[in-house]
Amino acid sequence: MATKPQDLALAAVERAQAATVSLASGTTAFWTYPVVNPSVSPADAPAQTILFVHGYRGNHHGLEAIAGALPDFNVIIPDLPGFGESDPLPGNHDIAGYTKWLQEFIDELKLHNAVVLGHSFGTIVAASAATESLSNPLILVNPISTFGFGGMKAVLAAIQNAFYWIGATLPERPGNALLKAPVMVRIMSEALAKTKDKNLRAWIHQQHHHNFSVYANRKVAVEGIKAGADTSVVQFAPRIEQRVLLIAGELDDITSVKDQKRAVELFAKASLVVLPKVGHLTHYETPDAVAALVREFLKS
């Protein structure tokens, strides 16, 4: 029987070690989740390190359930610049800026042998970095692999763009209040959650309520959504040479399975696994399944 996502997240919190690092792009807060295997010494079984890159408007808490399901790996999760407890970037919060930050973070912490796992917006940042300096296997969870929007997705994209345009156009205080409005966060959460489990849905809504609006300022939120809308993993895929695992949700409202199947063909060495009955929130709804796929991919 699978462990509840809530319990997996709690297990990760209990082993989390908080730290900060000063980079050219500012101070980044990050959390390390050391391997849990007291019966085996690190010298006998050195643990693989996985660097998680979270999605837009989230922070490190969003990926803790997956970390909790990977106690046999060292996991590191930073807050992206401008989100959570990390300083905003000195320039624009676009894919180029976040890519440069990720490279700085890896260099400063000497994580060149770490596997990089990105979720949602984090998959674009990870894919971009993979074309620049990363050489280890890459894991993309709910990758943004869109080839353009059509039909109902086009309508949803237009509504999203209008919402953020209004938030950016209003004066700073009311504009930011609109972007952070609990009712808007709840509407987003209700739309993305696919589970029928009432307790799990309640936990997901609670996670979004507490973490989805913890960003430095309106500039971060507006520039971040534009960066995610203007860029896709497919733009970087043809230049990525290392092994790649794509993990998608069957019911994902942001990137369809059809687009994921088109995207995986663009990589030199990639495989795609589609998890059934889940959408864009695999990190909340099925973290144990994601962790099992990660473990299998890295040990194969």
C-alpha atoms as a PDB file:
ATOM      1  CA  MET A   1       0.000   0.000   0.000  1.00  0.00           C
ATOM      2  CA  ALA A   2       1.384   3.411  -1.021  1.00  0.00           C
ATOM      3  CA  THR A   3       2.314   5.885   1.686  1.00  0.00           C
ATOM      4  CA  LYS A   4       0.115   8.977   1.810  1.00  0.00           C
ATOM      5  CA  PRO A   5       1.697  12.007   0.111  1.00  0.00           C
ATOM      6  CA  GLN A   6       1.099  14.021   3.284  1.00  0.00           C
ATOM      7  CA  ASP A   7       3.175  11.523   5.280  1.00  0.00           C
ATOM      8  CA  LEU A   8       5.940  11.493   2.677  1.00  0.00           C
ATOM      9  CA  ALA A   9       6.182  15.287   2.841  1.00  0.00           C
ATOM     10  CA  LEU A  10       6.307  15.146   6.640  1.00  0.00           C
ATOM     11  CA  ALA A  11       9.101  12.547   6.498  1.00  0.00           C
ATOM     12  CA  ALA A  12      11.094  14.898   4.281  1.00  0.00           C
ATOM     13  CA  VAL A  13      10.528  17.857   6.604  1.00  0.00           C
ATOM     14  CA  GLU A  14      11.860  15.815   9.501  1.00  0.00           C
ATOM     15  CA  ARG A  15      15.192  15.216   7.733  1.00  0.00           C
ATOM     16  CA  ALA A  16      15.497  18.645   6.096  1.00  0.00           C
ATOM     17  CA  GLN A  17      18.558  20.812   6.750  1.00  0.00           C
ATOM     18  CA  ALA A  18      18.192  24.493   5.822  1.00  0.00           C
ATOM     19  CA  ALA A  19      21.045  26.608   4.467  1.00  0.00           C
ATOM     20  CA  THR A  20      21.786  29.602   2.256  1.00  0.00           C
ATOM     21  CA  VAL A  21      24.435  30.348  -0.345  1.00  0.00           C
ATOM     22  CA  SER A  22      25.561  33.723  -1.695  1.00  0.00           C
ATOM     23  CA  LEU A  23      25.732  33.861  -5.488  1.00  0.00           C
ATOM     24  CA  ALA A  24      26.301  36.618  -8.011  1.00  0.00           C
ATOM     25  CA  SER A  25      22.541  36.535  -8.568  1.00  0.00           C
ATOM     26  CA  GLY A  26      21.809  36.991  -4.849  1.00  0.00           C
ATOM     27  CA  THR A  27      21.293  34.793  -1.800  1.00  0.00           C
ATOM     28  CA  THR A  28      19.608  31.458  -2.456  1.00  0.00           C
ATOM     29  CA  ALA A  29      17.922  29.482   0.312  1.00  0.00           C
ATOM     30  CA  PHE A  30      18.065  25.717  -0.067  1.00  0.00           C
ATOM     31  CA  TRP A  31      17.258  22.564   1.864  1.00  0.00           C
ATOM     32  CA  THR A  32      19.220  19.324   1.947  1.00  0.00           C
ATOM     33  CA  TYR A  33      17.507  15.995   2.653  1.00  0.00           C
ATOM     34  CA  PRO A  34      20.306  13.536   3.518  1.00  0.00           C
ATOM     35  CA  VAL A  35      20.073   9.838   2.691  1.00  0.00           C
ATOM     36  CA  VAL A  36      18.311   7.733   5.328  1.00  0.00           C
ATOM     37  CA  ASN A  37      20.114   4.401   5.557  1.00  0.00           C
ATOM     38  CA  PRO A  38      21.936   4.090   8.901  1.00  0.00           C
ATOM     39  CA  SER A  39      22.807   0.434   8.317  1.00  0.00           C
ATOM     40  CA  VAL A  40      25.053   1.230   5.343  1.00  0.00           C
ATOM     41  CA  SER A  41      28.026   3.568   5.558  1.00  0.00           C
ATOM     42  CA  PRO A  42      28.454   6.201   2.815  1.00  0.00           C
ATOM     43  CA  ALA A  43      31.836   4.664   1.939  1.00  0.00           C
ATOM     44  CA  ASP A  44      30.181   1.330   1.161  1.00  0.00           C
ATOM     45  CA  ALA A  45      27.194   2.740  -0.700  1.00  0.00           C
ATOM     46  CA  PRO A  46      27.664   6.377  -1.772  1.00  0.00           C
ATOM     47  CA  ALA A  47      24.266   7.935  -2.348  1.00  0.00           C
ATOM     48  CA  GLN A  48      23.265   9.598  -5.578  1.00  0.00           C
ATOM     49  CA  THR A  49      22.456  13.297  -5.237  1.00  0.00           C
ATOM     50  CA  ILE A  50      19.401  14.730  -6.979  1.00  0.00           C
ATOM     51  CA  LEU A  51      18.905  18.480  -7.350  1.00  0.00           C
ATOM     52  CA  PHE A  52      15.217  19.430  -7.566  1.00  0.00           C
ATOM     53  CA  VAL A  53      14.050  22.562  -9.419  1.00  0.00           C
ATOM     54  CA  HIS A  54      10.485  23.495  -8.468  1.00  0.00           C
ATOM     55  CA  GLY A  55       7.767  25.122 -10.554  1.00  0.00           C
ATOM     56  CA  TYR A  56       6.428  28.640 -10.998  1.00  0.00           C
ATOM     57  CA  ARG A  57       5.062  30.370  -7.871  1.00  0.00           C
ATOM     58  CA  GLY A  58       5.999  27.362  -5.763  1.00  0.00           C
ATOM     59  CA  ASN A  59       8.901  26.823  -3.393  1.00  0.00           C
ATOM     60  CA  HIS A  60      10.865  23.881  -2.007  1.00  0.00           C
ATOM     61  CA  HIS A  61       7.864  22.588  -0.037  1.00  0.00           C
ATOM     62  CA  GLY A  62       6.101  21.590  -3.242  1.00  0.00           C
ATOM     63  CA  LEU A  63       8.583  18.818  -4.007  1.00  0.00           C
ATOM     64  CA  GLU A  64       9.090  17.519  -0.469  1.00  0.00           C
ATOM     65  CA  ALA A  65       6.708  14.584  -0.904  1.00  0.00           C
ATOM     66  CA  ILE A  66       8.920  13.229  -3.697  1.00  0.00           C
ATOM     67  CA  ALA A  67      11.994  13.797  -1.512  1.00  0.00           C
ATOM     68  CA  GLY A  68      10.251  11.891   1.263  1.00  0.00           C
ATOM     69  CA  ALA A  69       9.706   8.978  -1.113  1.00  0.00           C
ATOM     70  CA  LEU A  70      13.441   8.927  -1.957  1.00  0.00           C
ATOM     71  CA  PRO A  71      15.099   8.297   1.427  1.00  0.00           C
ATOM     72  CA  ASP A  72      17.902   6.372  -0.321  1.00  0.00           C
ATOM     73  CA  PHE A  73      19.026   9.493  -2.202  1.00  0.00           C
ATOM     74  CA  ASN A  74      20.523  12.802  -1.118  1.00  0.00           C
ATOM     75  CA  VAL A  75      18.078  15.468  -2.271  1.00  0.00           C
ATOM     76  CA  ILE A  76      18.693  19.215  -2.515  1.00  0.00           C
ATOM     77  CA  ILE A  77      15.841  21.655  -3.156  1.00  0.00           C
ATOM     78  CA  PRO A  78      16.498  25.400  -3.492  1.00  0.00           C
ATOM     79  CA  ASP A  79      13.848  28.089  -3.589  1.00  0.00           C
ATOM     80  CA  LEU A  80      14.030  29.646  -7.036  1.00  0.00           C
ATOM     81  CA  PRO A  81      15.168  33.287  -7.020  1.00  0.00           C
ATOM     82  CA  GLY A  82      12.302  35.553  -6.080  1.00  0.00           C
ATOM     83  CA  PHE A  83      10.264  32.731  -4.546  1.00  0.00           C
ATOM     84  CA  GLY A  84      10.145  31.364  -1.024  1.00  0.00           C
ATOM     85  CA  GLU A  85      13.150  32.640   0.934  1.00  0.00           C
ATOM     86  CA  SER A  86      15.504  33.317  -2.002  1.00  0.00           C
ATOM     87  CA  ASP A  87      16.424  36.798  -3.233  1.00  0.00           C
ATOM     88  CA  PRO A  88      14.972  37.897  -6.578  1.00  0.00           C
ATOM     89  CA  LEU A  89      17.298  38.021  -9.564  1.00  0.00           C
ATOM     90  CA  PRO A  90      19.067  41.344 -10.190  1.00  0.00           C
ATOM     91  CA  GLY A  91      17.781  41.321 -13.772  1.00  0.00           C
ATOM     92  CA  ASN A  92      14.777  39.815 -15.502  1.00  0.00           C
ATOM     93  CA  HIS A  93      13.106  36.669 -14.202  1.00  0.00           C
ATOM     94  CA  ASP A  94      13.255  34.902 -17.545  1.00  0.00           C
ATOM     95  CA  ILE A  95      14.590  31.506 -18.597  1.00  0.00           C
ATOM     96  CA  ALA A  96      18.035  32.942 -19.362  1.00  0.00           C
ATOM     97  CA  GLY A  97      18.230  34.474 -15.882  1.00  0.00           C
ATOM     98  CA  TYR A  98      17.107  31.305 -14.117  1.00  0.00           C
ATOM     99  CA  THR A  99      19.456  29.186 -16.231  1.00  0.00           C
ATOM    100  CA  LYS A 100      22.418  31.343 -15.233  1.00  0.00           C
ATOM    101  CA  TRP A 101      21.329  31.111 -11.583  1.00  0.00           C
ATOM    102  CA  LEU A 102      21.102  27.307 -11.746  1.00  0.00           C
ATOM    103  CA  GLN A 103      24.590  27.113 -13.210  1.00  0.00           C
ATOM    104  CA  GLU A 104      25.916  29.356 -10.427  1.00  0.00           C
ATOM    105  CA  PHE A 105      24.175  27.249  -7.777  1.00  0.00           C
ATOM    106  CA  ILE A 106      25.628  24.020  -9.168  1.00  0.00           C
ATOM    107  CA  ASP A 107      29.112  25.506  -9.431  1.00  0.00           C
ATOM    108  CA  GLU A 108      29.101  26.986  -5.926  1.00  0.00           C
ATOM    109  CA  LEU A 109      27.861  23.793  -4.245  1.00  0.00           C
ATOM    110  CA  LYS A 110      29.973  21.565  -6.534  1.00  0.00           C
ATOM    111  CA  LEU A 111      26.953  19.592  -7.690  1.00  0.00           C
ATOM    112  CA  HIS A 112      28.306  18.741 -11.124  1.00  0.00           C
ATOM    113  CA  ASN A 113      27.666  15.034 -10.525  1.00  0.00           C
ATOM    114  CA  ALA A 114      24.104  15.565  -9.340  1.00  0.00           C
ATOM    115  CA  VAL A 115      21.113  14.524 -11.385  1.00  0.00           C
ATOM    116  CA  VAL A 116      18.731  17.435 -12.026  1.00  0.00           C
ATOM    117  CA  LEU A 117      14.982  16.895 -11.630  1.00  0.00           C
ATOM    118  CA  GLY A 118      12.681  19.695 -12.711  1.00  0.00           C
ATOM    119  CA  HIS A 119       8.946  20.038 -12.244  1.00  0.00           C
ATOM    120  CA  SER A 120       6.670  22.169 -14.456  1.00  0.00           C
ATOM    121  CA  PHE A 121       8.373  25.576 -14.934  1.00  0.00           C
ATOM    122  CA  GLY A 122      11.479  23.951 -13.444  1.00  0.00           C
ATOM    123  CA  THR A 123      11.627  21.567 -16.419  1.00  0.00           C
ATOM    124  CA  ILE A 124      12.188  24.501 -18.767  1.00  0.00           C
ATOM    125  CA  VAL A 125      15.006  25.841 -16.577  1.00  0.00           C
ATOM    126  CA  ALA A 126      16.573  22.372 -16.288  1.00  0.00           C
ATOM    127  CA  ALA A 127      16.279  21.718 -20.029  1.00  0.00           C
ATOM    128  CA  SER A 128      17.831  25.088 -20.820  1.00  0.00           C
ATOM    129  CA  ALA A 129      20.738  24.394 -18.447  1.00  0.00           C
ATOM    130  CA  ALA A 130      21.192  20.953 -20.021  1.00  0.00           C
ATOM    131  CA  THR A 131      22.031  22.626 -23.319  1.00  0.00           C
ATOM    132  CA  GLU A 132      24.647  24.786 -21.595  1.00  0.00           C
ATOM    133  CA  SER A 133      26.530  22.804 -18.966  1.00  0.00           C
ATOM    134  CA  LEU A 134      24.661  19.815 -17.492  1.00  0.00           C
ATOM    135  CA  SER A 135      25.800  16.374 -18.615  1.00  0.00           C
ATOM    136  CA  ASN A 136      24.182  13.964 -16.151  1.00  0.00           C
ATOM    137  CA  PRO A 137      20.803  12.270 -16.664  1.00  0.00           C
ATOM    138  CA  LEU A 138      17.862  14.674 -16.602  1.00  0.00           C
ATOM    139  CA  ILE A 139      14.402  14.020 -15.148  1.00  0.00           C
ATOM    140  CA  LEU A 140      11.476  16.192 -16.252  1.00  0.00           C
ATOM    141  CA  VAL A 141       8.285  15.821 -14.202  1.00  0.00           C
ATOM    142  CA  ASN A 142       5.154  17.281 -15.815  1.00  0.00           C
ATOM    143  CA  PRO A 143       7.354  18.999 -18.395  1.00  0.00           C
ATOM    144  CA  ILE A 144       6.068  22.087 -20.176  1.00  0.00           C
ATOM    145  CA  SER A 145       6.293  20.509 -23.627  1.00  0.00           C
ATOM    146  CA  THR A 146       3.699  22.556 -25.461  1.00  0.00           C
ATOM    147  CA  PHE A 147       3.812  23.077 -29.215  1.00  0.00           C
ATOM    148  CA  GLY A 148       1.198  25.830 -28.979  1.00  0.00           C
ATOM    149  CA  PHE A 149      -2.305  26.029 -27.589  1.00  0.00           C
ATOM    150  CA  GLY A 150      -5.544  25.245 -29.385  1.00  0.00           C
ATOM    151  CA  GLY A 151      -9.189  24.707 -28.508  1.00  0.00           C
ATOM    152  CA  MET A 152     -10.057  24.906 -24.814  1.00  0.00           C
ATOM    153  CA  LYS A 153      -6.377  25.222 -23.854  1.00  0.00           C
ATOM    154  CA  ALA A 154      -6.210  28.408 -25.920  1.00  0.00           C
ATOM    155  CA  VAL A 155      -9.189  29.780 -23.991  1.00  0.00           C
ATOM    156  CA  LEU A 156      -7.579  28.909 -20.653  1.00  0.00           C
ATOM    157  CA  ALA A 157      -4.283  30.454 -21.737  1.00  0.00           C
ATOM    158  CA  ALA A 158      -6.096  33.639 -22.767  1.00  0.00           C
ATOM    159  CA  ILE A 159      -7.836  33.837 -19.378  1.00  0.00           C
ATOM    160  CA  GLN A 160      -4.523  33.345 -17.583  1.00  0.00           C
ATOM    161  CA  ASN A 161      -2.805  35.993 -19.689  1.00  0.00           C
ATOM    162  CA  ALA A 162      -5.641  38.446 -19.062  1.00  0.00           C
ATOM    163  CA  PHE A 163      -5.497  37.822 -15.312  1.00  0.00           C
ATOM    164  CA  TYR A 164      -1.754  38.498 -15.122  1.00  0.00           C
ATOM    165  CA  TRP A 165      -2.069  41.494 -17.463  1.00  0.00           C
ATOM    166  CA  ILE A 166      -4.631  43.055 -15.122  1.00  0.00           C
ATOM    167  CA  GLY A 167      -2.424  42.235 -12.118  1.00  0.00           C
ATOM    168  CA  ALA A 168       0.526  43.912 -13.828  1.00  0.00           C
ATOM    169  CA  THR A 169      -1.437  46.953 -15.039  1.00  0.00           C
ATOM    170  CA  LEU A 170      -3.092  47.912 -11.775  1.00  0.00           C
ATOM    171  CA  PRO A 171      -1.133  49.994  -9.239  1.00  0.00           C
ATOM    172  CA  GLU A 172       1.378  47.910  -7.278  1.00  0.00           C
ATOM    173  CA  ARG A 173      -0.680  47.268  -4.153  1.00  0.00           C
ATOM    174  CA  PRO A 174      -4.036  46.265  -5.679  1.00  0.00           C
ATOM    175  CA  GLY A 175      -2.294  44.471  -8.541  1.00  0.00           C
ATOM    176  CA  ASN A 176      -0.267  42.320  -6.184  1.00  0.00           C
ATOM    177  CA  ALA A 177      -3.331  41.744  -4.012  1.00  0.00           C
ATOM    178  CA  LEU A 178      -5.182  40.414  -7.052  1.00  0.00           C
ATOM    179  CA  LEU A 179      -2.349  38.059  -7.996  1.00  0.00           C
ATOM    180  CA  LYS A 180      -2.236  36.717  -4.433  1.00  0.00           C
ATOM    181  CA  ALA A 181      -6.011  36.615  -3.872  1.00  0.00           C
ATOM    182  CA  PRO A 182      -6.847  33.388  -1.965  1.00  0.00           C
ATOM    183  CA  VAL A 183      -9.938  32.833  -4.111  1.00  0.00           C
ATOM    184  CA  MET A 184      -7.808  32.863  -7.296  1.00  0.00           C
ATOM    185  CA  VAL A 185      -5.297  30.471  -5.763  1.00  0.00           C
ATOM    186  CA  ARG A 186      -8.159  28.158  -4.757  1.00  0.00           C
ATOM    187  CA  ILE A 187      -9.675  28.222  -8.255  1.00  0.00           C
ATOM    188  CA  MET A 188      -6.287  27.221  -9.696  1.00  0.00           C
ATOM    189  CA  SER A 189      -5.880  24.485  -7.105  1.00  0.00           C
ATOM    190  CA  GLU A 190      -9.357  23.083  -7.731  1.00  0.00           C
ATOM    191  CA  ALA A 191      -8.732  23.018 -11.481  1.00  0.00           C
ATOM    192  CA  LEU A 192      -5.372  21.234 -11.297  1.00  0.00           C
ATOM    193  CA  ALA A 193      -6.168  18.644  -8.608  1.00  0.00           C
ATOM    194  CA  LYS A 194      -7.613  15.432 -10.079  1.00  0.00           C
ATOM    195  CA  THR A 195      -7.752  13.172  -7.037  1.00  0.00           C
ATOM    196  CA  LYS A 196     -11.158  12.216  -5.612  1.00  0.00           C
ATOM    197  CA  ASP A 197      -9.644  11.691  -2.151  1.00  0.00           C
ATOM    198  CA  LYS A 198     -11.137  14.487  -0.015  1.00  0.00           C
ATOM    199  CA  ASN A 199      -8.307  14.476   2.511  1.00  0.00           C
ATOM    200  CA  LEU A 200      -5.662  14.639  -0.205  1.00  0.00           C
ATOM    201  CA  ARG A 201      -7.487  17.431  -2.014  1.00  0.00           C
ATOM    202  CA  ALA A 202      -7.738  19.380   1.237  1.00  0.00           C
ATOM    203  CA  TRP A 203      -3.983  18.981   1.793  1.00  0.00           C
ATOM    204  CA  ILE A 204      -3.209  20.096  -1.768  1.00  0.00           C
ATOM    205  CA  HIS A 205      -5.365  23.206  -1.327  1.00  0.00           C
ATOM    206  CA  GLN A 206      -3.617  23.907   1.975  1.00  0.00           C
ATOM    207  CA  GLN A 207      -0.198  23.580   0.321  1.00  0.00           C
ATOM    208  CA  HIS A 208      -1.152  26.014  -2.422  1.00  0.00           C
ATOM    209  CA  HIS A 209      -2.682  28.429   0.093  1.00  0.00           C
ATOM    210  CA  HIS A 210       0.495  28.528   2.186  1.00  0.00           C
ATOM    211  CA  ASN A 211       3.123  28.430  -0.575  1.00  0.00           C
ATOM    212  CA  PHE A 212       1.733  29.712  -3.871  1.00  0.00           C
ATOM    213  CA  SER A 213       1.951  33.411  -3.032  1.00  0.00           C
ATOM    214  CA  VAL A 214       5.316  33.523  -1.259  1.00  0.00           C
ATOM    215  CA  TYR A 215       7.209  35.578  -3.812  1.00  0.00           C
ATOM    216  CA  ALA A 216       9.309  38.713  -3.435  1.00  0.00           C
ATOM    217  CA  ASN A 217       7.283  41.204  -5.471  1.00  0.00           C
ATOM    218  CA  ARG A 218       4.883  41.598  -8.372  1.00  0.00           C
ATOM    219  CA  LYS A 219       7.742  41.869 -10.893  1.00  0.00           C
ATOM    220  CA  VAL A 220       8.809  38.309 -10.064  1.00  0.00           C
ATOM    221  CA  ALA A 221       5.302  36.923 -10.576  1.00  0.00           C
ATOM    222  CA  VAL A 222       4.609  38.765 -13.821  1.00  0.00           C
ATOM    223  CA  GLU A 223       7.984  38.081 -15.429  1.00  0.00           C
ATOM    224  CA  GLY A 224       7.886  34.448 -14.337  1.00  0.00           C
ATOM    225  CA  ILE A 225       4.510  33.698 -15.911  1.00  0.00           C
ATOM    226  CA  LYS A 226       5.619  35.368 -19.149  1.00  0.00           C
ATOM    227  CA  ALA A 227       8.810  33.300 -19.210  1.00  0.00           C
ATOM    228  CA  GLY A 228       6.829  30.086 -18.800  1.00  0.00           C
ATOM    229  CA  ALA A 229       4.314  31.068 -21.455  1.00  0.00           C
ATOM    230  CA  ASP A 230       6.922  32.081 -24.024  1.00  0.00           C
ATOM    231  CA  THR A 231       9.212  29.045 -23.658  1.00  0.00           C
ATOM    232  CA  SER A 232       8.864  25.266 -23.805  1.00  0.00           C
ATOM    233  CA  VAL A 233      11.058  22.242 -23.225  1.00  0.00           C
ATOM    234  CA  VAL A 234      10.707  21.396 -26.924  1.00  0.00           C
ATOM    235  CA  GLN A 235      12.859  24.410 -27.803  1.00  0.00           C
ATOM    236  CA  PHE A 236      15.840  22.834 -26.022  1.00  0.00           C
ATOM    237  CA  ALA A 237      15.203  19.109 -26.584  1.00  0.00           C
ATOM    238  CA  PRO A 238      17.094  18.698 -29.901  1.00  0.00           C
ATOM    239  CA  ARG A 239      20.306  19.978 -28.248  1.00  0.00           C
ATOM    240  CA  ILE A 240      20.169  17.708 -25.174  1.00  0.00           C
ATOM    241  CA  GLU A 241      22.443  14.692 -25.527  1.00  0.00           C
ATOM    242  CA  GLN A 242      22.187  13.002 -22.120  1.00  0.00           C
ATOM    243  CA  ARG A 243      19.586  10.454 -21.048  1.00  0.00           C
ATOM    244  CA  VAL A 244      16.246  12.028 -20.179  1.00  0.00           C
ATOM    245  CA  LEU A 245      13.162  10.702 -18.411  1.00  0.00           C
ATOM    246  CA  LEU A 246       9.864  12.501 -18.952  1.00  0.00           C
ATOM    247  CA  ILE A 247       7.108  11.799 -16.419  1.00  0.00           C
ATOM    248  CA  ALA A 248       3.698  13.103 -17.441  1.00  0.00           C
ATOM    249  CA  GLY A 249       0.171  13.030 -16.070  1.00  0.00           C
ATOM    250  CA  GLU A 250      -2.583  11.536 -18.197  1.00  0.00           C
ATOM    251  CA  LEU A 251      -4.970  14.370 -17.269  1.00  0.00           C
ATOM    252  CA  ASP A 252      -2.499  17.261 -17.350  1.00  0.00           C
ATOM    253  CA  ASP A 253      -4.309  20.473 -18.319  1.00  0.00           C
ATOM    254  CA  ILE A 254      -1.095  22.298 -19.224  1.00  0.00           C
ATOM    255  CA  THR A 255       0.609  19.860 -21.609  1.00  0.00           C
ATOM    256  CA  SER A 256      -1.365  17.090 -23.278  1.00  0.00           C
ATOM    257  CA  VAL A 257      -0.108  13.516 -23.566  1.00  0.00           C
ATOM    258  CA  LYS A 258      -0.173  14.015 -27.325  1.00  0.00           C
ATOM    259  CA  ASP A 259       2.341  16.859 -27.030  1.00  0.00           C
ATOM    260  CA  GLN A 260       4.469  14.868 -24.559  1.00  0.00           C
ATOM    261  CA  LYS A 261       4.690  12.025 -27.085  1.00  0.00           C
ATOM    262  CA  ARG A 262       5.772  14.482 -29.761  1.00  0.00           C
ATOM    263  CA  ALA A 263       8.312  16.064 -27.419  1.00  0.00           C
ATOM    264  CA  VAL A 264      10.059  12.846 -26.358  1.00  0.00           C
ATOM    265  CA  GLU A 265      10.949  12.162 -29.995  1.00  0.00           C
ATOM    266  CA  LEU A 266      12.998  15.374 -30.131  1.00  0.00           C
ATOM    267  CA  PHE A 267      15.547  14.200 -27.559  1.00  0.00           C
ATOM    268  CA  ALA A 268      18.548  12.076 -28.509  1.00  0.00           C
ATOM    269  CA  LYS A 269      17.975   9.577 -25.675  1.00  0.00           C
ATOM    270  CA  ALA A 270      14.685   9.942 -23.859  1.00  0.00           C
ATOM    271  CA  SER A 271      11.779   7.909 -22.549  1.00  0.00           C
ATOM    272  CA  LEU A 272       8.284   8.924 -21.500  1.00  0.00           C
ATOM    273  CA  VAL A 273       6.097   7.454 -18.764  1.00  0.00           C
ATOM    274  CA  VAL A 274       2.492   8.619 -18.406  1.00  0.00           C
ATOM    275  CA  LEU A 275       0.920   8.213 -14.982  1.00  0.00           C
ATOM    276  CA  PRO A 276      -2.827   7.447 -15.157  1.00  0.00           C
ATOM    277  CA  LYS A 277      -5.639   9.398 -13.466  1.00  0.00           C
ATOM    278  CA  VAL A 278      -3.415  12.314 -12.455  1.00  0.00           C
ATOM    279  CA  GLY A 279      -2.776  15.719 -13.984  1.00  0.00           C
ATOM    280  CA  HIS A 280      -0.145  18.403 -13.420  1.00  0.00           C
ATOM    281  CA  LEU A 281       0.165  17.713  -9.688  1.00  0.00           C
ATOM    282  CA  THR A 282       2.008  14.388  -9.727  1.00  0.00           C
ATOM    283  CA  HIS A 283       4.325  15.835  -7.069  1.00  0.00           C
ATOM    284  CA  TYR A 284       1.338  16.107  -4.716  1.00  0.00           C
ATOM    285  CA  GLU A 285      -0.949  13.282  -5.834  1.00  0.00           C
ATOM    286  CA  THR A 286       1.447  10.473  -6.823  1.00  0.00           C
ATOM    287  CA  PRO A 287       4.902  11.290  -5.364  1.00  0.00           C
ATOM    288  CA  ASP A 288       5.571   7.620  -4.574  1.00  0.00           C
ATOM    289  CA  ALA A 289       4.972   6.666  -8.224  1.00  0.00           C
ATOM    290  CA  VAL A 290       7.255   9.486  -9.392  1.00  0.00           C
ATOM    291  CA  ALA A 291       9.953   8.373  -6.951  1.00  0.00           C
ATOM    292  CA  ALA A 292       9.715   4.775  -8.121  1.00  0.00           C
ATOM    293  CA  LEU A 293      10.238   5.887 -11.723  1.00  0.00           C
ATOM    294  CA  VAL A 294      13.190   8.060 -10.703  1.00  0.00           C
ATOM    295  CA  ARG A 295      14.800   5.192  -8.824  1.00  0.00           C
ATOM    296  CA  GLU A 296      14.300   2.773 -11.721  1.00  0.00           C
ATOM    297  CA  PHE A 297      15.659   5.265 -14.266  1.00  0.00           C
ATOM    298  CA  LEU A 298      18.794   6.069 -12.292  1.00  0.00           C
ATOM    299  CA  LYS A 299      19.610   2.460 -11.433  1.00  0.00           C
ATOM    300  CA  SER A 300      19.022   1.112 -14.931  1.00  0.00           C
END
